[in-house]
């Protein structure tokens, strides 16, 4: 009984450490995912509303006072 309790405690500690390692790996990826989503959203908005072309350069500048 005494040996099996130690084995169970070690097994639980091992499972918890693996879970923490996996969660840390997932949380480390969150900033990159958010940045990618932001870039995709900006790209989509530029696609939906293209920029207005700049005015032609052949117009004369305004006269100075």
PDB file of N, CA and C in Angstrom:
ATOM      1  N   UNK A   1       0.834  -1.203   0.000  1.00  0.00           N
ATOM      2  CA  UNK A   1       0.000   0.000   0.000  1.00  0.00           C
ATOM      3  C   UNK A   1       0.864   1.247   0.000  1.00  0.00           C
ATOM      4  N   UNK A   2       1.957   1.201   0.754  1.00  0.00           N
ATOM      5  CA  UNK A   2       2.808   2.381   0.868  1.00  0.00           C
ATOM      6  C   UNK A   2       3.500   2.700  -0.460  1.00  0.00           C
ATOM      7  N   UNK A   3       3.951   1.687  -1.165  1.00  0.00           N
ATOM      8  CA  UNK A   3       4.624   1.895  -2.448  1.00  0.00           C
ATOM      9  C   UNK A   3       3.671   2.362  -3.529  1.00  0.00           C
ATOM     10  N   UNK A   4       2.448   1.873  -3.509  1.00  0.00           N
ATOM     11  CA  UNK A   4       1.485   2.266  -4.540  1.00  0.00           C
ATOM     12  C   UNK A   4       1.049   3.726  -4.369  1.00  0.00           C
ATOM     13  N   UNK A   5       1.003   4.214  -3.151  1.00  0.00           N
ATOM     14  CA  UNK A   5       0.640   5.614  -2.917  1.00  0.00           C
ATOM     15  C   UNK A   5       1.706   6.536  -3.505  1.00  0.00           C
ATOM     16  N   UNK A   6       2.961   6.160  -3.350  1.00  0.00           N
ATOM     17  CA  UNK A   6       4.051   6.973  -3.911  1.00  0.00           C
ATOM     18  C   UNK A   6       3.980   6.963  -5.430  1.00  0.00           C
ATOM     19  N   UNK A   7       3.700   5.798  -6.008  1.00  0.00           N
ATOM     20  CA  UNK A   7       3.582   5.689  -7.469  1.00  0.00           C
ATOM     21  C   UNK A   7       2.436   6.564  -7.971  1.00  0.00           C
ATOM     22  N   UNK A   8       1.310   6.550  -7.278  1.00  0.00           N
ATOM     23  CA  UNK A   8       0.150   7.366  -7.682  1.00  0.00           C
ATOM     24  C   UNK A   8       0.486   8.845  -7.599  1.00  0.00           C
ATOM     25  N   UNK A   9       1.155   9.264  -6.528  1.00  0.00           N
ATOM     26  CA  UNK A   9       1.545  10.674  -6.370  1.00  0.00           C
ATOM     27  C   UNK A   9       2.491  11.088  -7.489  1.00  0.00           C
ATOM     28  N   UNK A  10       3.470  10.250  -7.808  1.00  0.00           N
ATOM     29  CA  UNK A  10       4.408  10.567  -8.889  1.00  0.00           C
ATOM     30  C   UNK A  10       3.698  10.616 -10.239  1.00  0.00           C
ATOM     31  N   UNK A  11       2.743   9.723 -10.458  1.00  0.00           N
ATOM     32  CA  UNK A  11       2.000   9.721 -11.718  1.00  0.00           C
ATOM     33  C   UNK A  11       1.174  10.998 -11.859  1.00  0.00           C
ATOM     34  N   UNK A  12       0.518  11.389 -10.789  1.00  0.00           N
ATOM     35  CA  UNK A  12      -0.281  12.626 -10.827  1.00  0.00           C
ATOM     36  C   UNK A  12       0.619  13.828 -11.078  1.00  0.00           C
ATOM     37  N   UNK A  13       1.759  13.886 -10.417  1.00  0.00           N
ATOM     38  CA  UNK A  13       2.692  15.001 -10.613  1.00  0.00           C
ATOM     39  C   UNK A  13       3.193  15.029 -12.058  1.00  0.00           C
ATOM     40  N   UNK A  14       3.445  13.860 -12.637  1.00  0.00           N
ATOM     41  CA  UNK A  14       3.890  13.802 -14.026  1.00  0.00           C
ATOM     42  C   UNK A  14       2.823  14.298 -14.983  1.00  0.00           C
ATOM     43  N   UNK A  15       1.584  13.888 -14.761  1.00  0.00           N
ATOM     44  CA  UNK A  15       0.482  14.334 -15.625  1.00  0.00           C
ATOM     45  C   UNK A  15       0.292  15.840 -15.508  1.00  0.00           C
ATOM     46  N   UNK A  16       0.362  16.353 -14.296  1.00  0.00           N
ATOM     47  CA  UNK A  16       0.194  17.800 -14.092  1.00  0.00           C
ATOM     48  C   UNK A  16       1.317  18.566 -14.781  1.00  0.00           C
ATOM     49  N   UNK A  17       2.545  18.076 -14.696  1.00  0.00           N
ATOM     50  CA  UNK A  17       3.653  18.788 -15.334  1.00  0.00           C
ATOM     51  C   UNK A  17       3.523  18.765 -16.858  1.00  0.00           C
ATOM     52  N   UNK A  18       3.075  17.674 -17.419  1.00  0.00           N
ATOM     53  CA  UNK A  18       2.868  17.616 -18.873  1.00  0.00           C
ATOM     54  C   UNK A  18       1.747  18.560 -19.284  1.00  0.00           C
ATOM     55  N   UNK A  19       0.675  18.608 -18.518  1.00  0.00           N
ATOM     56  CA  UNK A  19      -0.422  19.530 -18.830  1.00  0.00           C
ATOM     57  C   UNK A  19       0.036  20.987 -18.751  1.00  0.00           C
ATOM     58  N   UNK A  20       0.807  21.325 -17.738  1.00  0.00           N
ATOM     59  CA  UNK A  20       1.317  22.689 -17.623  1.00  0.00           C
ATOM     60  C   UNK A  20       2.222  23.039 -18.796  1.00  0.00           C
ATOM     61  N   UNK A  21       3.056  22.102 -19.213  1.00  0.00           N
ATOM     62  CA  UNK A  21       3.937  22.330 -20.357  1.00  0.00           C
ATOM     63  C   UNK A  21       3.118  22.568 -21.626  1.00  0.00           C
ATOM     64  N   UNK A  22       2.067  21.779 -21.820  1.00  0.00           N
ATOM     65  CA  UNK A  22       1.217  21.941 -23.004  1.00  0.00           C
ATOM     66  C   UNK A  22       0.463  23.271 -22.965  1.00  0.00           C
ATOM     67  N   UNK A  23      -0.050  23.640 -21.804  1.00  0.00           N
ATOM     68  CA  UNK A  23      -0.777  24.910 -21.680  1.00  0.00           C
ATOM     69  C   UNK A  23       0.159  26.086 -21.925  1.00  0.00           C
ATOM     70  N   UNK A  24       1.381  26.005 -21.401  1.00  0.00           N
ATOM     71  CA  UNK A  24       2.359  27.076 -21.625  1.00  0.00           C
ATOM     72  C   UNK A  24       2.658  27.210 -23.119  1.00  0.00           C
ATOM     73  N   UNK A  25       2.802  26.099 -23.813  1.00  0.00           N
ATOM     74  CA  UNK A  25       3.043  26.139 -25.252  1.00  0.00           C
ATOM     75  C   UNK A  25       1.906  26.798 -26.007  1.00  0.00           C
ATOM     76  N   UNK A  26       0.677  26.494 -25.621  1.00  0.00           N
ATOM     77  CA  UNK A  26      -0.477  27.118 -26.270  1.00  0.00           C
ATOM     78  C   UNK A  26      -0.537  28.615 -25.982  1.00  0.00           C
ATOM     79  N   UNK A  27      -0.288  28.994 -24.735  1.00  0.00           N
ATOM     80  CA  UNK A  27      -0.361  30.408 -24.368  1.00  0.00           C
ATOM     81  C   UNK A  27       0.759  31.225 -25.014  1.00  0.00           C
ATOM     82  N   UNK A  28       1.892  30.594 -25.289  1.00  0.00           N
ATOM     83  CA  UNK A  28       2.974  31.302 -25.972  1.00  0.00           C
ATOM     84  C   UNK A  28       2.607  31.638 -27.406  1.00  0.00           C
ATOM     85  N   UNK A  29       1.681  30.899 -27.990  1.00  0.00           N
ATOM     86  CA  UNK A  29       1.285  31.137 -29.371  1.00  0.00           C
ATOM     87  C   UNK A  29       0.180  32.173 -29.505  1.00  0.00           C
ATOM     88  N   UNK A  30      -0.471  32.538 -28.426  1.00  0.00           N
ATOM     89  CA  UNK A  30      -1.611  33.464 -28.486  1.00  0.00           C
ATOM     90  C   UNK A  30      -1.229  34.827 -29.071  1.00  0.00           C
ATOM     91  N   UNK A  31      -0.116  35.478 -28.648  1.00  0.00           N
ATOM     92  CA  UNK A  31       0.196  36.781 -29.248  1.00  0.00           C
ATOM     93  C   UNK A  31       0.399  36.715 -30.766  1.00  0.00           C
ATOM     94  N   UNK A  32       1.037  35.650 -31.257  1.00  0.00           N
ATOM     95  CA  UNK A  32       1.232  35.506 -32.696  1.00  0.00           C
ATOM     96  C   UNK A  32      -0.098  35.327 -33.422  1.00  0.00           C
ATOM     97  N   UNK A  33      -1.010  34.586 -32.824  1.00  0.00           N
ATOM     98  CA  UNK A  33      -2.323  34.379 -33.434  1.00  0.00           C
ATOM     99  C   UNK A  33      -3.091  35.698 -33.495  1.00  0.00           C
ATOM    100  N   UNK A  34      -3.022  36.481 -32.423  1.00  0.00           N
ATOM    101  CA  UNK A  34      -3.724  37.769 -32.402  1.00  0.00           C
ATOM    102  C   UNK A  34      -3.134  38.712 -33.442  1.00  0.00           C
ATOM    103  N   UNK A  35      -1.805  38.723 -33.562  1.00  0.00           N
ATOM    104  CA  UNK A  35      -1.161  39.583 -34.557  1.00  0.00           C
ATOM    105  C   UNK A  35      -1.550  39.160 -35.974  1.00  0.00           C
ATOM    106  N   UNK A  36      -1.582  37.873 -36.233  1.00  0.00           N
ATOM    107  CA  UNK A  36      -1.980  37.381 -37.553  1.00  0.00           C
ATOM    108  C   UNK A  36      -3.434  37.736 -37.854  1.00  0.00           C
ATOM    109  N   UNK A  37      -4.295  37.610 -36.857  1.00  0.00           N
ATOM    110  CA  UNK A  37      -5.702  37.953 -37.057  1.00  0.00           C
ATOM    111  C   UNK A  37      -5.849  39.442 -37.359  1.00  0.00           C
ATOM    112  N   UNK A  38      -5.053  40.265 -36.683  1.00  0.00           N
ATOM    113  CA  UNK A  38      -5.103  41.705 -36.930  1.00  0.00           C
ATOM    114  C   UNK A  38      -4.660  42.026 -38.356  1.00  0.00           C
ATOM    115  N   UNK A  39      -3.587  41.385 -38.804  1.00  0.00           N
ATOM    116  CA  UNK A  39      -3.115  41.611 -40.173  1.00  0.00           C
ATOM    117  C   UNK A  39      -4.153  41.155 -41.193  1.00  0.00           C
ATOM    118  N   UNK A  40      -4.788  40.019 -40.924  1.00  0.00           N
ATOM    119  CA  UNK A  40      -5.811  39.516 -41.838  1.00  0.00           C
ATOM    120  C   UNK A  40      -7.007  40.464 -41.887  1.00  0.00           C
ATOM    121  N   UNK A  41      -7.409  41.000 -40.727  1.00  0.00           N
ATOM    122  CA  UNK A  41      -8.530  41.939 -40.685  1.00  0.00           C
ATOM    123  C   UNK A  41      -8.197  43.211 -41.459  1.00  0.00           C
ATOM    124  N   UNK A  42      -6.984  43.745 -41.273  1.00  0.00           N
ATOM    125  CA  UNK A  42      -6.581  44.952 -41.997  1.00  0.00           C
ATOM    126  C   UNK A  42      -6.548  44.698 -43.503  1.00  0.00           C
ATOM    127  N   UNK A  43      -6.050  43.554 -43.878  1.00  0.00           N
ATOM    128  CA  UNK A  43      -5.991  43.189 -45.288  1.00  0.00           C
ATOM    129  C   UNK A  43      -7.390  43.095 -45.881  1.00  0.00           C
ATOM    130  N   UNK A  44      -8.289  42.491 -45.142  1.00  0.00           N
ATOM    131  CA  UNK A  44      -9.671  42.348 -45.606  1.00  0.00           C
ATOM    132  C   UNK A  44     -10.336  43.716 -45.758  1.00  0.00           C
ATOM    133  N   UNK A  45     -10.086  44.619 -44.818  1.00  0.00           N
ATOM    134  CA  UNK A  45     -10.677  45.952 -44.903  1.00  0.00           C
ATOM    135  C   UNK A  45     -10.117  46.722 -46.099  1.00  0.00           C
ATOM    136  N   UNK A  46      -8.820  46.562 -46.382  1.00  0.00           N
ATOM    137  CA  UNK A  46      -8.240  47.217 -47.563  1.00  0.00           C
ATOM    138  C   UNK A  46      -8.832  46.623 -48.836  1.00  0.00           C
ATOM    139  N   UNK A  47      -9.122  45.329 -48.827  1.00  0.00           N
ATOM    140  CA  UNK A  47      -9.721  44.685 -49.990  1.00  0.00           C
ATOM    141  C   UNK A  47     -11.145  45.188 -50.209  1.00  0.00           C
ATOM    142  N   UNK A  48     -11.903  45.341 -49.125  1.00  0.00           N
ATOM    143  CA  UNK A  48     -13.292  45.785 -49.228  1.00  0.00           C
ATOM    144  C   UNK A  48     -13.390  47.257 -49.632  1.00  0.00           C
ATOM    145  N   UNK A  49     -12.474  48.092 -49.122  1.00  0.00           N
ATOM    146  CA  UNK A  49     -12.488  49.525 -49.423  1.00  0.00           C
ATOM    147  C   UNK A  49     -11.127  49.921 -49.985  1.00  0.00           C
ATOM    148  N   UNK A  50     -10.950  49.814 -51.291  1.00  0.00           N
ATOM    149  CA  UNK A  50      -9.652  50.190 -51.861  1.00  0.00           C
ATOM    150  C   UNK A  50      -9.402  51.685 -51.679  1.00  0.00           C
ATOM    151  N   UNK A  51      -8.143  52.040 -51.586  1.00  0.00           N
ATOM    152  CA  UNK A  51      -7.768  53.448 -51.409  1.00  0.00           C
ATOM    153  C   UNK A  51      -8.188  54.258 -52.627  1.00  0.00           C
ATOM    154  N   UNK A  52      -8.540  55.519 -52.375  1.00  0.00           N
ATOM    155  CA  UNK A  52      -8.897  56.440 -53.448  1.00  0.00           C
ATOM    156  C   UNK A  52      -7.603  56.821 -54.160  1.00  0.00           C
ATOM    157  N   UNK A  53      -7.570  56.779 -55.480  1.00  0.00           N
ATOM    158  CA  UNK A  53      -6.327  57.127 -56.182  1.00  0.00           C
ATOM    159  C   UNK A  53      -5.958  58.589 -55.918  1.00  0.00           C
ATOM    160  N   UNK A  54      -4.674  58.885 -55.834  1.00  0.00           N
ATOM    161  CA  UNK A  54      -4.261  60.270 -55.573  1.00  0.00           C
ATOM    162  C   UNK A  54      -4.613  61.159 -56.764  1.00  0.00           C
ATOM    163  N   UNK A  55      -4.780  62.456 -56.507  1.00  0.00           N
ATOM    164  CA  UNK A  55      -5.134  63.363 -57.611  1.00  0.00           C
ATOM    165  C   UNK A  55      -3.993  63.434 -58.626  1.00  0.00           C
ATOM    166  N   UNK A  56      -4.350  63.739 -59.860  1.00  0.00           N
ATOM    167  CA  UNK A  56      -3.352  63.830 -60.925  1.00  0.00           C
ATOM    168  C   UNK A  56      -2.420  65.003 -60.654  1.00  0.00           C
ATOM    169  N   UNK A  57      -1.155  64.857 -61.079  1.00  0.00           N
ATOM    170  CA  UNK A  57      -0.149  65.899 -60.842  1.00  0.00           C
ATOM    171  C   UNK A  57      -0.213  67.007 -61.896  1.00  0.00           C
ATOM    172  N   UNK A  58      -1.063  66.875 -62.903  1.00  0.00           N
ATOM    173  CA  UNK A  58      -1.093  67.883 -63.958  1.00  0.00           C
ATOM    174  C   UNK A  58      -1.918  69.123 -63.577  1.00  0.00           C
ATOM    175  N   UNK A  59      -2.499  69.102 -62.385  1.00  0.00           N
ATOM    176  CA  UNK A  59      -3.240  70.289 -61.935  1.00  0.00           C
ATOM    177  C   UNK A  59      -2.251  71.352 -61.475  1.00  0.00           C
ATOM    178  N   UNK A  60      -2.631  72.617 -61.665  1.00  0.00           N
ATOM    179  CA  UNK A  60      -1.740  73.696 -61.235  1.00  0.00           C
ATOM    180  C   UNK A  60      -1.878  73.923 -59.741  1.00  0.00           C
ATOM    181  N   UNK A  61      -0.786  74.220 -59.059  1.00  0.00           N
ATOM    182  CA  UNK A  61      -0.871  74.469 -57.621  1.00  0.00           C
ATOM    183  C   UNK A  61      -1.612  75.768 -57.336  1.00  0.00           C
ATOM    184  N   UNK A  62      -2.136  75.924 -56.138  1.00  0.00           N
ATOM    185  CA  UNK A  62      -2.844  77.178 -55.815  1.00  0.00           C
ATOM    186  C   UNK A  62      -1.876  78.346 -55.795  1.00  0.00           C
ATOM    187  N   UNK A  63      -2.402  79.520 -56.145  1.00  0.00           N
ATOM    188  CA  UNK A  63      -1.558  80.737 -56.180  1.00  0.00           C
ATOM    189  C   UNK A  63      -1.248  81.216 -54.784  1.00  0.00           C
ATOM    190  N   UNK A  64      -0.051  81.724 -54.598  1.00  0.00           N
ATOM    191  CA  UNK A  64       0.358  82.261 -53.289  1.00  0.00           C
ATOM    192  C   UNK A  64      -0.220  83.662 -53.149  1.00  0.00           C
ATOM    193  N   UNK A  65      -0.591  84.020 -51.921  1.00  0.00           N
ATOM    194  CA  UNK A  65      -1.191  85.329 -51.698  1.00  0.00           C
ATOM    195  C   UNK A  65      -0.149  86.399 -51.568  1.00  0.00           C
TER     196      UNK A  65
END
